[in-house]
Structures are given as C-alpha cells and as structure tokens.
Amino acid sequence: MKYDLMDILACPICKGDLVLNVTVEDEQEIVSGTLHCSGCNEYFPIENGIPNMLPPDMRD
C-alpha cells in the first residue's frame, strides 16, 4: 500500500479517519500492518501491501 493512499482512505463503516500502524515496510510502500478507526474501534489489516477494507463479518 502506498503512503499516499492514506489521504483518501476512510473507515467503510463509519467514514471516520484511520490511523496507520506499520509492521513491515520497504522503500516504496507498506507491506503489512493495520488501519485503525477510533470512531468505531475497528481494525483493518494490510497484508502483502493490500488493505482489506471489508467489514469484519465479510472477511475470510
């Protein structure tokens, strides 16, 4: 996930702002981590550079 994506991402549940927590990154992008919404206290994983913005009940 590119850092620039944070400018346009919002929580899909409550439309609140997201806080980025990076676990692994390389020179160009975030490889893994989480996006946290303090509005509804939901976490969205970032795996292999792809943020999973599906609501929790729709994830694998």
N, C-alpha and C. Protein backbone atom coordinates (compact mmCIF):
# COMPACT_ATOMS: atom_id res chain seq x y z
N MET A 1 0.85 -1.17 0.00
CA MET A 1 0.00 0.00 0.00
C MET A 1 0.90 1.23 0.00
N LYS A 2 0.62 2.16 -0.85
CA LYS A 2 1.38 3.41 -0.91
C LYS A 2 0.92 4.33 0.23
N TYR A 3 1.87 5.08 0.77
CA TYR A 3 1.55 6.02 1.84
C TYR A 3 0.53 7.08 1.39
N ASP A 4 0.56 7.46 0.11
CA ASP A 4 -0.36 8.47 -0.41
C ASP A 4 -1.83 8.04 -0.29
N LEU A 5 -2.08 6.75 -0.22
CA LEU A 5 -3.45 6.25 -0.12
C LEU A 5 -4.12 6.69 1.17
N MET A 6 -3.34 6.99 2.20
CA MET A 6 -3.90 7.45 3.47
C MET A 6 -4.67 8.76 3.32
N ASP A 7 -4.35 9.55 2.29
CA ASP A 7 -5.05 10.82 2.06
C ASP A 7 -6.50 10.61 1.64
N ILE A 8 -6.83 9.46 1.08
CA ILE A 8 -8.18 9.25 0.57
C ILE A 8 -8.96 8.15 1.29
N LEU A 9 -8.28 7.33 2.10
CA LEU A 9 -8.97 6.25 2.79
C LEU A 9 -9.77 6.76 3.99
N ALA A 10 -10.93 6.16 4.19
CA ALA A 10 -11.76 6.43 5.36
C ALA A 10 -12.37 5.10 5.80
N CYS A 11 -12.80 5.03 7.02
CA CYS A 11 -13.44 3.83 7.54
C CYS A 11 -14.69 3.52 6.71
N PRO A 12 -14.81 2.29 6.20
CA PRO A 12 -16.00 1.95 5.41
C PRO A 12 -17.26 1.79 6.26
N ILE A 13 -17.09 1.70 7.57
CA ILE A 13 -18.25 1.51 8.45
C ILE A 13 -18.83 2.85 8.90
N CYS A 14 -17.97 3.73 9.45
CA CYS A 14 -18.48 4.99 9.99
C CYS A 14 -17.94 6.23 9.27
N LYS A 15 -17.09 6.01 8.26
CA LYS A 15 -16.48 7.10 7.48
C LYS A 15 -15.49 7.94 8.28
N GLY A 16 -15.04 7.42 9.42
CA GLY A 16 -14.07 8.13 10.26
C GLY A 16 -12.65 8.05 9.72
N ASP A 17 -11.77 8.83 10.31
CA ASP A 17 -10.36 8.82 9.94
C ASP A 17 -9.70 7.54 10.42
N LEU A 18 -8.69 7.10 9.67
CA LEU A 18 -7.96 5.89 10.00
C LEU A 18 -6.55 6.23 10.47
N VAL A 19 -6.05 5.45 11.43
CA VAL A 19 -4.69 5.60 11.94
C VAL A 19 -3.89 4.41 11.42
N LEU A 20 -2.75 4.70 10.81
CA LEU A 20 -1.90 3.67 10.23
C LEU A 20 -0.91 3.14 11.25
N ASN A 21 -0.84 1.81 11.37
CA ASN A 21 0.15 1.12 12.20
C ASN A 21 0.95 0.20 11.28
N VAL A 22 2.21 0.53 11.02
CA VAL A 22 3.04 -0.22 10.08
C VAL A 22 3.82 -1.30 10.82
N THR A 23 3.76 -2.53 10.29
CA THR A 23 4.54 -3.64 10.82
C THR A 23 5.77 -3.88 9.96
N VAL A 24 5.57 -3.93 8.63
CA VAL A 24 6.66 -4.14 7.68
C VAL A 24 6.49 -3.16 6.54
N GLU A 25 7.60 -2.52 6.15
CA GLU A 25 7.57 -1.62 5.01
C GLU A 25 8.86 -1.77 4.21
N ASP A 26 8.82 -1.39 2.93
CA ASP A 26 10.03 -1.31 2.15
C ASP A 26 10.22 0.14 1.73
N GLU A 27 11.10 0.40 0.79
CA GLU A 27 11.39 1.78 0.42
C GLU A 27 10.20 2.52 -0.18
N GLN A 28 9.27 1.78 -0.78
CA GLN A 28 8.20 2.40 -1.53
C GLN A 28 6.82 2.28 -0.91
N GLU A 29 6.58 1.25 -0.12
CA GLU A 29 5.22 1.04 0.35
C GLU A 29 5.16 0.25 1.66
N ILE A 30 3.95 0.20 2.20
CA ILE A 30 3.66 -0.56 3.41
C ILE A 30 3.34 -1.99 2.98
N VAL A 31 4.05 -2.95 3.53
CA VAL A 31 3.83 -4.36 3.18
C VAL A 31 2.78 -4.98 4.09
N SER A 32 2.88 -4.70 5.40
CA SER A 32 1.87 -5.23 6.33
C SER A 32 1.70 -4.27 7.50
N GLY A 33 0.54 -4.37 8.13
CA GLY A 33 0.20 -3.52 9.25
C GLY A 33 -1.31 -3.50 9.43
N THR A 34 -1.80 -2.45 10.06
CA THR A 34 -3.25 -2.30 10.26
C THR A 34 -3.65 -0.85 10.08
N LEU A 35 -4.92 -0.68 9.80
CA LEU A 35 -5.57 0.63 9.80
C LEU A 35 -6.60 0.57 10.91
N HIS A 36 -6.58 1.55 11.81
CA HIS A 36 -7.49 1.55 12.96
C HIS A 36 -8.40 2.76 12.89
N CYS A 37 -9.68 2.53 13.10
CA CYS A 37 -10.65 3.62 13.18
C CYS A 37 -11.00 3.82 14.65
N SER A 38 -10.70 4.99 15.16
CA SER A 38 -11.02 5.27 16.57
C SER A 38 -12.50 5.57 16.75
N GLY A 39 -13.19 5.92 15.68
CA GLY A 39 -14.62 6.22 15.76
C GLY A 39 -15.45 5.00 16.11
N CYS A 40 -15.19 3.88 15.43
CA CYS A 40 -15.96 2.66 15.70
C CYS A 40 -15.08 1.55 16.27
N ASN A 41 -13.81 1.87 16.55
CA ASN A 41 -12.85 0.95 17.14
C ASN A 41 -12.66 -0.33 16.33
N GLU A 42 -12.64 -0.19 15.01
CA GLU A 42 -12.45 -1.34 14.13
C GLU A 42 -11.05 -1.31 13.54
N TYR A 43 -10.48 -2.49 13.30
CA TYR A 43 -9.17 -2.64 12.69
C TYR A 43 -9.31 -3.27 11.31
N PHE A 44 -8.50 -2.80 10.36
CA PHE A 44 -8.48 -3.34 9.01
C PHE A 44 -7.04 -3.74 8.70
N PRO A 45 -6.81 -5.01 8.34
CA PRO A 45 -5.45 -5.48 8.11
C PRO A 45 -4.90 -5.03 6.76
N ILE A 46 -3.58 -4.87 6.72
CA ILE A 46 -2.85 -4.67 5.48
C ILE A 46 -1.96 -5.88 5.32
N GLU A 47 -2.17 -6.66 4.27
CA GLU A 47 -1.40 -7.89 4.04
C GLU A 47 -0.89 -7.89 2.62
N ASN A 48 0.40 -8.14 2.46
CA ASN A 48 1.04 -8.15 1.14
C ASN A 48 0.81 -6.85 0.39
N GLY A 49 0.77 -5.74 1.11
CA GLY A 49 0.61 -4.43 0.50
C GLY A 49 -0.81 -4.05 0.14
N ILE A 50 -1.78 -4.88 0.53
CA ILE A 50 -3.18 -4.63 0.16
C ILE A 50 -4.02 -4.44 1.42
N PRO A 51 -4.67 -3.26 1.56
CA PRO A 51 -5.54 -3.07 2.72
C PRO A 51 -6.87 -3.79 2.51
N ASN A 52 -7.31 -4.55 3.51
CA ASN A 52 -8.59 -5.25 3.44
C ASN A 52 -9.61 -4.37 4.15
N MET A 53 -10.39 -3.64 3.36
CA MET A 53 -11.34 -2.68 3.89
C MET A 53 -12.75 -3.26 4.02
N LEU A 54 -12.88 -4.56 3.93
CA LEU A 54 -14.19 -5.18 4.13
C LEU A 54 -14.57 -5.14 5.60
N PRO A 55 -15.86 -4.99 5.90
CA PRO A 55 -16.30 -5.08 7.29
C PRO A 55 -15.94 -6.45 7.86
N PRO A 56 -15.71 -6.55 9.17
CA PRO A 56 -15.24 -7.80 9.78
C PRO A 56 -16.10 -9.02 9.46
N ASP A 57 -17.40 -8.86 9.38
CA ASP A 57 -18.27 -10.00 9.12
C ASP A 57 -18.20 -10.50 7.68
N MET A 58 -17.52 -9.77 6.80
CA MET A 58 -17.39 -10.18 5.40
C MET A 58 -15.99 -10.69 5.06
N ARG A 59 -15.08 -10.68 6.02
CA ARG A 59 -13.72 -11.18 5.79
C ARG A 59 -13.67 -12.69 5.91
N ASP A 60 -12.60 -13.28 5.37
CA ASP A 60 -12.42 -14.75 5.45
C ASP A 60 -12.29 -15.20 6.88
